[in-house]
Protein backbone atom coordinates (compact mmCIF):
# COMPACT_ATOMS: atom_id res chain seq x y z
CA MET A 1 118.65 -98.89 -39.18
CA ALA A 2 121.38 -98.01 -41.79
CA LYS A 3 124.25 -96.63 -39.97
CA LYS A 4 127.89 -97.39 -40.84
CA ASP A 5 131.15 -96.12 -39.78
CA LYS A 6 133.28 -95.67 -42.91
CA SER A 7 136.35 -94.78 -41.23
CA PRO A 8 139.75 -96.37 -42.72
CA ASN A 9 140.24 -97.24 -38.97
CA LYS A 10 137.45 -99.61 -38.60
CA TRP A 11 139.46 -102.65 -38.43
CA LEU A 12 142.27 -101.05 -36.52
CA THR A 13 139.79 -99.74 -34.02
CA LEU A 14 138.21 -103.30 -33.50
CA THR A 15 141.85 -104.61 -32.97
CA VAL A 16 142.66 -102.12 -30.31
CA LEU A 17 139.16 -102.56 -28.66
CA SER A 18 140.07 -106.32 -28.55
CA MET A 19 143.42 -105.87 -27.16
CA ALA A 20 142.02 -103.39 -24.40
CA GLY A 21 138.84 -105.67 -23.70
CA SER A 22 141.46 -108.56 -22.90
CA ILE A 23 144.35 -106.70 -20.92
CA ILE A 24 142.23 -104.54 -18.68
CA TYR A 25 140.83 -107.50 -16.81
CA LYS A 26 144.29 -109.37 -16.29
CA LEU A 27 144.76 -107.51 -12.89
CA PRO A 28 141.19 -107.85 -11.62
CA TYR A 29 141.20 -111.49 -12.40
CA LEU A 30 144.64 -112.30 -11.49
CA ARG A 31 143.76 -115.11 -9.29
CA GLU A 32 142.36 -117.16 -12.29
CA THR A 33 146.13 -117.71 -13.61
CA TYR A 34 148.19 -117.38 -10.38
CA TYR A 35 145.90 -118.28 -7.54
CA ILE A 36 148.45 -119.93 -5.13
CA PRO A 37 151.30 -117.12 -5.96
CA LEU A 38 148.89 -114.50 -5.21
CA GLN A 39 147.71 -116.14 -1.91
CA GLN A 40 151.22 -116.40 -0.78
CA ALA A 41 152.50 -112.95 -1.91
CA THR A 42 149.42 -111.22 -0.27
CA GLY A 43 149.04 -113.30 2.79
CA THR A 44 145.43 -113.76 2.26
CA THR A 45 143.15 -116.82 2.83
CA ASN A 46 140.84 -118.41 0.39
CA GLU A 47 138.15 -116.64 2.11
CA GLN A 48 139.92 -113.13 1.58
CA LEU A 49 140.56 -113.92 -2.07
CA GLY A 50 137.06 -114.67 -2.57
CA LEU A 51 136.02 -111.58 -0.75
CA LEU A 52 138.19 -109.60 -3.22
CA MET A 53 136.15 -111.05 -6.31
CA THR A 54 133.05 -110.37 -4.22
CA ALA A 55 133.92 -106.47 -3.62
CA TYR A 56 134.74 -106.37 -7.31
CA ALA A 57 131.47 -108.04 -8.63
CA LEU A 58 129.34 -105.86 -6.24
CA ALA A 59 130.85 -102.73 -7.34
CA ASN A 60 130.58 -103.96 -10.94
CA PHE A 61 126.86 -104.61 -10.33
CA ILE A 62 126.50 -100.89 -8.91
CA LEU A 63 128.47 -99.19 -11.63
CA TYR A 64 127.07 -101.07 -14.76
CA PHE A 65 123.96 -98.92 -15.43
CA PRO A 66 125.78 -95.37 -14.63
CA GLY A 67 128.38 -96.61 -16.85
CA GLY A 68 126.01 -96.79 -19.77
CA TRP A 69 124.82 -93.22 -19.12
CA ALA A 70 128.65 -92.15 -18.89
CA ALA A 71 129.31 -94.05 -22.47
CA ASP A 72 126.41 -91.91 -23.81
CA SER A 73 127.42 -88.57 -22.23
CA PHE A 74 130.97 -88.28 -22.57
CA SER A 75 133.91 -89.05 -25.15
CA PRO A 76 134.15 -93.03 -25.41
CA ARG A 77 137.80 -92.48 -26.55
CA LYS A 78 138.85 -90.59 -23.45
CA LEU A 79 136.87 -93.00 -21.28
CA ILE A 80 138.49 -96.01 -22.66
CA ALA A 81 142.03 -94.55 -22.57
CA PHE A 82 141.56 -93.11 -18.97
CA SER A 83 140.38 -96.66 -17.99
CA LEU A 84 143.28 -98.59 -19.47
CA ILE A 85 145.95 -96.09 -18.07
CA ALA A 86 144.30 -95.89 -14.60
CA THR A 87 144.12 -99.53 -14.39
CA GLY A 88 147.76 -99.88 -15.21
CA ILE A 89 149.08 -97.31 -12.78
CA THR A 90 147.29 -98.80 -9.95
CA GLY A 91 148.76 -102.18 -10.87
CA PHE A 92 152.31 -100.83 -10.03
CA TYR A 93 150.97 -100.35 -6.55
CA PHE A 94 149.29 -103.81 -6.55
CA ALA A 95 152.66 -105.12 -7.25
CA THR A 96 153.80 -104.12 -3.86
CA PHE A 97 151.29 -106.29 -2.28
CA PRO A 98 149.63 -103.98 0.06
CA PRO A 99 147.52 -105.05 3.13
CA PHE A 100 144.14 -106.66 2.79
CA PRO A 101 141.88 -103.63 3.45
CA ILE A 102 143.84 -101.77 0.69
CA LEU A 103 143.56 -104.73 -1.67
CA LEU A 104 139.77 -104.39 -1.18
CA LEU A 105 139.78 -100.76 -2.10
CA LEU A 106 141.78 -101.53 -5.25
CA HIS A 107 139.51 -103.99 -6.35
CA ALA A 108 136.58 -101.78 -5.82
CA PHE A 109 138.43 -98.99 -7.89
CA TRP A 110 139.13 -101.46 -10.72
CA ALA A 111 135.46 -101.84 -10.95
CA VAL A 112 135.09 -97.94 -11.65
CA THR A 113 137.87 -98.32 -14.41
CA THR A 114 136.96 -101.68 -16.03
CA VAL A 115 133.11 -101.12 -15.84
CA PHE A 116 131.94 -97.45 -15.32
CA THR A 117 134.30 -95.97 -17.80
CA PHE A 118 135.22 -98.86 -19.99
CA TRP A 119 132.56 -101.51 -20.57
CA SER A 120 129.48 -99.71 -22.04
CA ALA A 121 131.74 -97.12 -23.83
CA SER A 122 133.55 -100.13 -25.69
CA ILE A 123 130.05 -101.57 -26.60
CA ARG A 124 128.91 -98.26 -27.85
CA ILE A 125 131.95 -97.75 -30.17
CA ILE A 126 131.63 -101.53 -31.68
CA ARG A 127 127.97 -100.98 -32.42
CA LEU A 128 128.87 -97.89 -34.45
CA LEU A 129 131.56 -99.48 -36.32
CA GLY A 130 129.06 -101.16 -38.93
CA ASP A 131 125.39 -101.32 -39.80
CA SER A 132 122.82 -103.85 -38.87
CA LYS A 133 124.15 -106.50 -41.12
CA GLU A 134 127.50 -106.44 -39.54
CA GLN A 135 126.63 -106.37 -35.89
CA GLY A 136 127.05 -110.14 -35.16
CA ARG A 137 130.38 -110.35 -36.96
CA LEU A 138 131.74 -107.13 -35.21
CA PHE A 139 130.85 -108.51 -31.90
CA GLY A 140 132.12 -112.10 -32.82
CA LEU A 141 135.48 -110.49 -34.05
CA TRP A 142 135.79 -108.72 -30.80
CA THR A 143 135.31 -111.74 -28.83
CA PHE A 144 137.83 -113.64 -30.96
CA GLY A 145 140.30 -110.87 -30.77
CA LYS A 146 139.81 -110.60 -26.86
CA GLY A 147 140.56 -114.55 -26.79
CA LEU A 148 143.71 -114.22 -29.27
CA THR A 149 145.07 -111.48 -27.19
CA SER A 150 144.84 -113.54 -23.97
CA VAL A 151 146.65 -116.39 -25.43
CA ILE A 152 149.43 -114.11 -26.77
CA VAL A 153 149.61 -112.39 -23.39
CA GLY A 154 149.69 -115.62 -21.58
CA PHE A 155 152.43 -117.12 -23.29
CA ILE A 156 154.56 -113.82 -22.46
CA SER A 157 153.55 -113.59 -18.87
CA VAL A 158 154.16 -117.11 -17.75
CA PRO A 159 157.73 -117.38 -18.76
CA ILE A 160 158.20 -113.93 -17.07
CA PHE A 161 156.81 -115.47 -13.83
CA THR A 162 158.86 -118.68 -14.21
CA HIS A 163 161.94 -116.91 -15.14
CA LEU A 164 161.85 -114.66 -12.00
CA GLY A 165 161.47 -117.63 -9.52
CA ASP A 166 157.72 -118.78 -9.59
CA GLY A 167 157.17 -117.04 -6.31
CA VAL A 168 156.66 -113.43 -4.94
CA LEU A 169 159.45 -111.95 -7.38
CA GLY A 170 157.85 -113.70 -10.29
CA LEU A 171 154.26 -112.68 -9.54
CA ARG A 172 155.62 -108.87 -9.19
CA GLY A 173 157.10 -109.25 -12.61
CA ALA A 174 154.03 -110.50 -14.18
CA ILE A 175 151.90 -107.89 -12.66
CA ILE A 176 154.29 -105.08 -13.69
CA PHE A 177 154.11 -106.52 -17.28
CA TYR A 178 150.59 -106.25 -17.20
CA SER A 179 150.54 -102.97 -15.91
CA ILE A 180 153.02 -101.51 -18.76
CA LEU A 181 150.97 -103.34 -21.43
CA THR A 182 147.59 -101.99 -20.08
CA ILE A 183 149.00 -98.34 -20.06
CA LEU A 184 150.68 -98.81 -23.63
CA ILE A 185 147.18 -99.96 -25.02
CA GLY A 186 145.69 -97.11 -23.24
CA ILE A 187 147.87 -94.81 -25.07
CA LEU A 188 147.13 -96.40 -28.36
CA SER A 189 143.51 -96.13 -27.75
CA TYR A 190 143.54 -92.43 -27.22
CA LEU A 191 145.69 -92.15 -30.53
CA VAL A 192 143.62 -94.58 -32.74
CA LEU A 193 139.85 -94.36 -31.66
CA ASP A 194 137.68 -91.77 -33.15
CA ASP A 195 136.43 -88.99 -30.68
CA LYS A 196 132.76 -89.36 -31.19
CA ARG A 197 131.74 -87.34 -28.27
CA PRO A 198 128.18 -86.85 -28.16
CA THR A 199 126.85 -83.40 -28.75
CA GLU A 200 125.40 -81.15 -26.16
CA GLU A 201 121.84 -81.85 -27.39
CA SER A 202 122.23 -85.56 -27.51
CA SER A 203 123.75 -85.31 -23.91
CA ARG A 204 120.51 -83.68 -22.89
CA ILE A 205 118.52 -86.16 -24.48
CA VAL A 206 120.31 -89.30 -22.73
CA ILE A 207 119.58 -87.88 -19.55
CA ARG A 208 115.88 -87.68 -20.30
CA GLN A 209 115.73 -91.05 -21.92
CA MET A 210 117.29 -93.11 -19.19
CA ALA A 211 113.87 -93.28 -17.87
CA THR A 212 112.46 -94.43 -21.14
CA VAL A 213 115.51 -97.14 -21.48
CA LEU A 214 113.95 -98.57 -18.27
CA LYS A 215 110.51 -98.69 -19.77
CA MET A 216 111.81 -100.67 -22.89
CA PRO A 217 110.51 -104.26 -22.65
CA SER A 218 113.04 -105.39 -25.39
CA VAL A 219 116.00 -104.25 -23.21
CA TRP A 220 114.80 -106.03 -20.22
CA ILE A 221 114.12 -109.28 -21.99
CA ALA A 222 117.77 -109.03 -23.67
CA GLY A 223 118.87 -108.71 -20.00
CA VAL A 224 117.10 -111.87 -19.10
CA ILE A 225 118.77 -113.40 -22.21
CA VAL A 226 122.33 -112.42 -21.00
CA PHE A 227 121.57 -113.58 -17.52
CA CYS A 228 120.71 -116.93 -18.69
CA SER A 229 123.62 -117.07 -21.12
CA TRP A 230 125.98 -116.13 -18.40
CA SER A 231 124.55 -118.52 -15.99
CA VAL A 232 125.37 -121.36 -18.56
CA TYR A 233 128.73 -119.97 -18.89
CA ILE A 234 129.57 -119.94 -15.21
CA GLY A 235 128.23 -123.56 -14.80
CA PHE A 236 130.28 -124.52 -17.89
CA GLY A 237 133.33 -123.65 -15.88
CA MET A 238 132.67 -126.53 -13.75
CA VAL A 239 133.55 -129.09 -16.53
CA THR A 240 137.32 -129.05 -15.50
CA PRO A 241 136.72 -130.17 -11.97
CA PHE A 242 134.23 -132.66 -13.25
CA LEU A 243 136.85 -134.15 -15.25
CA THR A 244 139.11 -134.65 -12.31
CA ASP A 245 136.71 -135.52 -9.62
CA VAL A 246 134.38 -137.82 -11.63
CA PHE A 247 136.20 -139.20 -14.54
CA LYS A 248 139.76 -139.20 -12.95
CA MET A 249 141.59 -137.13 -15.43
CA SER A 250 145.05 -136.13 -14.26
CA VAL A 251 145.41 -132.48 -13.01
CA ALA A 252 147.98 -131.75 -15.66
CA PHE A 253 145.88 -132.97 -18.44
CA ALA A 254 142.90 -131.31 -17.11
CA ALA A 255 144.71 -127.98 -16.88
CA ILE A 256 145.52 -128.51 -20.79
CA VAL A 257 141.82 -128.99 -21.42
CA SER A 258 140.83 -126.12 -19.20
CA ILE A 259 143.31 -123.66 -21.47
CA VAL A 260 141.37 -124.97 -24.66
CA ARG A 261 138.09 -124.34 -23.04
CA ALA A 262 138.94 -120.82 -21.75
CA TYR A 263 140.71 -119.50 -24.77
CA VAL A 264 140.54 -121.72 -27.79
CA LEU A 265 136.95 -122.37 -27.77
CA PHE A 266 136.30 -118.89 -26.70
CA SER A 267 137.92 -117.46 -29.65
CA ALA A 268 136.74 -120.23 -32.04
CA GLY A 269 132.97 -119.57 -30.69
CA GLY A 270 133.23 -115.95 -30.92
CA LEU A 271 134.44 -115.82 -34.60
CA LEU A 272 131.89 -118.58 -35.79
CA GLY A 273 129.06 -117.15 -33.76
CA GLY A 274 129.46 -113.62 -35.06
CA PHE A 275 129.39 -114.61 -38.78
CA LEU A 276 126.86 -117.08 -38.51
CA ALA A 277 124.58 -115.09 -36.79
CA ASP A 278 124.87 -112.32 -39.55
CA LYS A 279 124.44 -114.84 -42.25
CA LEU A 280 121.13 -116.10 -40.53
CA GLY A 281 119.99 -112.67 -40.61
CA SER A 282 118.85 -112.30 -36.96
CA ARG A 283 121.12 -112.37 -33.78
CA ILE A 284 117.98 -113.05 -31.65
CA LYS A 285 117.14 -116.23 -33.57
CA PHE A 286 120.87 -117.37 -33.47
CA MET A 287 120.72 -117.05 -29.76
CA LEU A 288 117.55 -119.21 -29.79
CA TYR A 289 119.65 -121.95 -31.60
CA ALA A 290 122.46 -121.40 -29.25
CA PHE A 291 120.35 -122.12 -26.29
CA LEU A 292 118.65 -125.17 -27.71
CA GLY A 293 122.28 -126.23 -28.31
CA MET A 294 123.17 -125.68 -24.70
CA ILE A 295 120.16 -127.56 -23.69
CA ALA A 296 120.99 -130.57 -25.83
CA PHE A 297 124.73 -130.93 -24.84
CA THR A 298 124.53 -130.11 -21.32
CA GLY A 299 121.82 -132.88 -21.21
CA VAL A 300 124.56 -135.35 -22.46
CA TYR A 301 126.63 -134.48 -19.30
CA TYR A 302 123.59 -135.02 -17.16
CA PHE A 303 122.89 -138.47 -18.37
CA ILE A 304 126.39 -139.70 -18.95
CA PRO A 305 127.49 -142.27 -16.44
CA GLY A 306 130.25 -141.33 -14.02
CA ASN A 307 132.55 -143.74 -15.50
CA PRO A 308 136.34 -142.90 -16.68
CA ASN A 309 135.67 -145.12 -19.74
CA PHE A 310 133.41 -142.34 -21.14
CA ILE A 311 136.05 -139.76 -20.66
CA GLU A 312 136.60 -139.28 -24.46
CA VAL A 313 132.81 -138.85 -24.82
CA VAL A 314 132.98 -136.09 -22.27
CA VAL A 315 135.79 -134.22 -23.89
CA ILE A 316 134.24 -134.18 -27.29
CA ASN A 317 130.96 -132.95 -25.56
CA LEU A 318 133.01 -130.20 -23.91
CA VAL A 319 134.30 -128.93 -27.47
CA ILE A 320 130.75 -128.88 -28.84
CA LEU A 321 128.89 -127.35 -25.96
CA GLY A 322 131.75 -124.78 -25.48
CA LEU A 323 131.11 -123.81 -28.84
CA PHE A 324 127.61 -122.98 -28.39
CA VAL A 325 128.34 -121.31 -24.99
CA TYR A 326 130.85 -118.96 -26.52
CA ALA A 327 129.06 -118.38 -29.81
CA GLY A 328 125.91 -117.45 -27.98
CA GLU A 329 128.13 -115.21 -25.53
CA SER A 330 129.70 -113.30 -28.53
CA VAL A 331 126.73 -112.00 -29.97
CA PHE A 332 124.22 -111.18 -27.11
CA PHE A 333 125.17 -107.41 -26.99
CA SER A 334 124.65 -107.23 -30.80
CA ILE A 335 120.91 -107.63 -30.14
CA ILE A 336 120.86 -103.95 -28.74
CA ASP A 337 120.91 -103.01 -32.60
CA GLU A 338 118.33 -105.76 -33.81
CA VAL A 339 115.58 -104.48 -31.35
CA ARG A 340 116.35 -100.89 -32.60
CA VAL A 341 117.56 -99.20 -29.59
CA PRO A 342 118.45 -95.71 -30.89
CA GLU A 343 122.01 -95.10 -31.15
CA HIS A 344 122.22 -92.05 -28.54
CA VAL A 345 121.20 -94.48 -25.51
CA SER A 346 123.31 -97.61 -26.86
CA GLY A 347 125.48 -97.11 -23.64
CA THR A 348 122.57 -96.74 -21.42
CA ALA A 349 121.04 -99.95 -22.82
CA ALA A 350 124.22 -101.84 -22.57
CA GLY A 351 124.57 -100.68 -18.96
CA LEU A 352 120.91 -101.82 -18.13
CA ILE A 353 121.36 -105.14 -19.89
CA SER A 354 124.80 -105.83 -18.05
CA VAL A 355 123.08 -104.92 -14.71
CA VAL A 356 120.47 -107.92 -15.43
CA GLY A 357 122.88 -110.13 -17.27
CA TYR A 358 125.99 -110.18 -15.15
CA PHE A 359 124.02 -110.37 -11.81
CA PRO A 360 124.98 -114.11 -11.65
CA GLU A 361 128.56 -112.99 -10.98
CA ILE A 362 127.57 -112.07 -7.28
CA PHE A 363 126.12 -115.33 -6.55
CA LEU A 364 126.40 -118.19 -8.81
CA TYR A 365 130.02 -119.02 -8.29
CA THR A 366 129.25 -119.86 -4.67
CA LEU A 367 125.89 -121.62 -5.44
CA VAL A 368 127.80 -124.14 -7.87
CA GLY A 369 130.50 -124.57 -5.46
CA LYS A 370 128.05 -125.54 -2.76
CA MET A 371 126.31 -127.84 -4.91
CA VAL A 372 129.46 -130.07 -5.35
CA ASP A 373 130.27 -129.52 -1.62
CA ASN A 374 126.75 -130.71 -0.39
CA ASN A 375 126.67 -133.46 -2.87
CA PRO A 376 129.99 -135.35 -3.44
CA GLY A 377 130.75 -137.11 -6.60
CA VAL A 378 128.69 -137.25 -9.74
CA VAL A 379 125.30 -135.98 -7.95
CA GLY A 380 126.62 -132.59 -7.36
CA TYR A 381 127.75 -132.08 -10.97
CA ARG A 382 124.25 -133.22 -12.16
CA HIS A 383 122.75 -130.43 -9.99
CA ILE A 384 124.85 -128.00 -11.93
CA TRP A 385 123.85 -129.55 -15.06
CA LEU A 386 120.18 -129.30 -14.45
CA PHE A 387 120.60 -125.88 -13.07
CA MET A 388 122.22 -125.01 -16.58
CA ILE A 389 119.54 -126.56 -18.42
CA ALA A 390 116.94 -124.73 -16.72
CA CYS A 391 118.61 -121.44 -17.43
CA ALA A 392 118.97 -122.43 -21.08
CA ILE A 393 115.42 -123.14 -21.26
CA ILE A 394 114.33 -119.97 -19.88
CA GLY A 395 117.03 -118.23 -22.12
CA ALA A 396 115.09 -120.00 -25.15
CA VAL A 397 111.69 -119.00 -24.11
CA SER A 398 112.97 -115.41 -23.62
CA THR A 399 114.87 -115.44 -26.80
CA ALA A 400 111.68 -116.62 -28.78
CA ALA A 401 109.34 -114.12 -27.06
CA LEU A 402 111.78 -111.32 -28.15
CA TYR A 403 112.10 -112.36 -31.53
CA LYS A 404 108.09 -112.53 -31.83
CA ILE A 405 108.08 -109.06 -30.46
CA ASN A 406 110.58 -107.71 -32.31
CA LYS A 407 109.10 -109.10 -35.62
CA ASN A 408 105.50 -107.89 -34.83
CA LYS A 409 106.21 -104.64 -33.47
CA GLY A 410 109.04 -103.69 -35.97
CA LYS A 411 109.94 -99.99 -35.62
CA THR A 412 107.50 -99.41 -32.80
CA LEU A 413 110.31 -100.74 -30.46
CA GLN A 414 112.16 -97.73 -30.95
CA THR A 415 112.39 -94.97 -28.31
CA PRO A 416 109.11 -92.80 -28.59
CA GLY A 417 110.16 -89.73 -30.54
CA ALA A 418 113.78 -90.74 -31.20
CA ALA A 419 112.96 -92.27 -34.72
């Protein structure tokens, strides 16, 4: 499939999308950085904060697939600009800390602006930035850029928060900062991104092809691959409490390790994964190797004794496992190109893959928490590691199957009549 965006704005476009892909999620996921201050400012319980994320995740799940249709039917530039500006504007209202029912509605609205009008539109634009040989590095660089943006924004927002008093006022200042920055990047997106609006003819084709995308085995298998990879990703997030609960690492040092895991490894894994996948010549085959790495190094956690003397091994293993997890995550949407999904239904395919792939968001955080609550000590974490290994095995089998199907059928995987 030889397609390449020859626009001189190619790398500028990728940079803007990287900034957008990071900043637009700061408000919905504010609890990850400011959990206690957010709880104090809104007067919510732990359960209520959990309900906010549940509402957001459920709305996301509903909107992923129609969001793919929107990306294929309307101007991605306008969709992305609207998403950022609308998210930023509502952030100012969020800074007033409205009642809990309003917070629920606000998080549901953010699902519209961060998923329905943003997610698949971003994936569609990135896919069209380069030909098949570049897909891995493009998506890898996108992941790297999002991680780098998060680090920079974090270094700015935290001082704002502390300068204003570490409380309600400080949190309001951080939210306003995020809101202003989100709006500014929205304006920048409108000015920089190419307005590759689908033609009237292609829009009609998209409506007819939605049913065809649902019938494409390769897209469903790709969804299973993302499901397995994302499940491992969620389980990997439990390494931080594993360090403190089992290996007695100090909370302060564990926080540093968590930052390295969430940002440094995320960025490094994305950068390495993208380039290595393209060098290998197959993003699908690269995903297979990534799953094998996840199996091996998650196994280290399962078998290692719960003894503080092994803490160095645990941290080293975190770095290696993290690179496999984030490298795999960075390229899984580039599979859309490799299985020859037609360009005009890229967004629809991305939406369907997201519906299947991100389904763990709805239940898995609760599940891994219960595993630890119901099985204190190292036993609970070993249940998580076993679950991760099982998901990685299913992911590896699915990836091998998709690679074989894609290799054997070749161009027959294209949507009938769209070649």
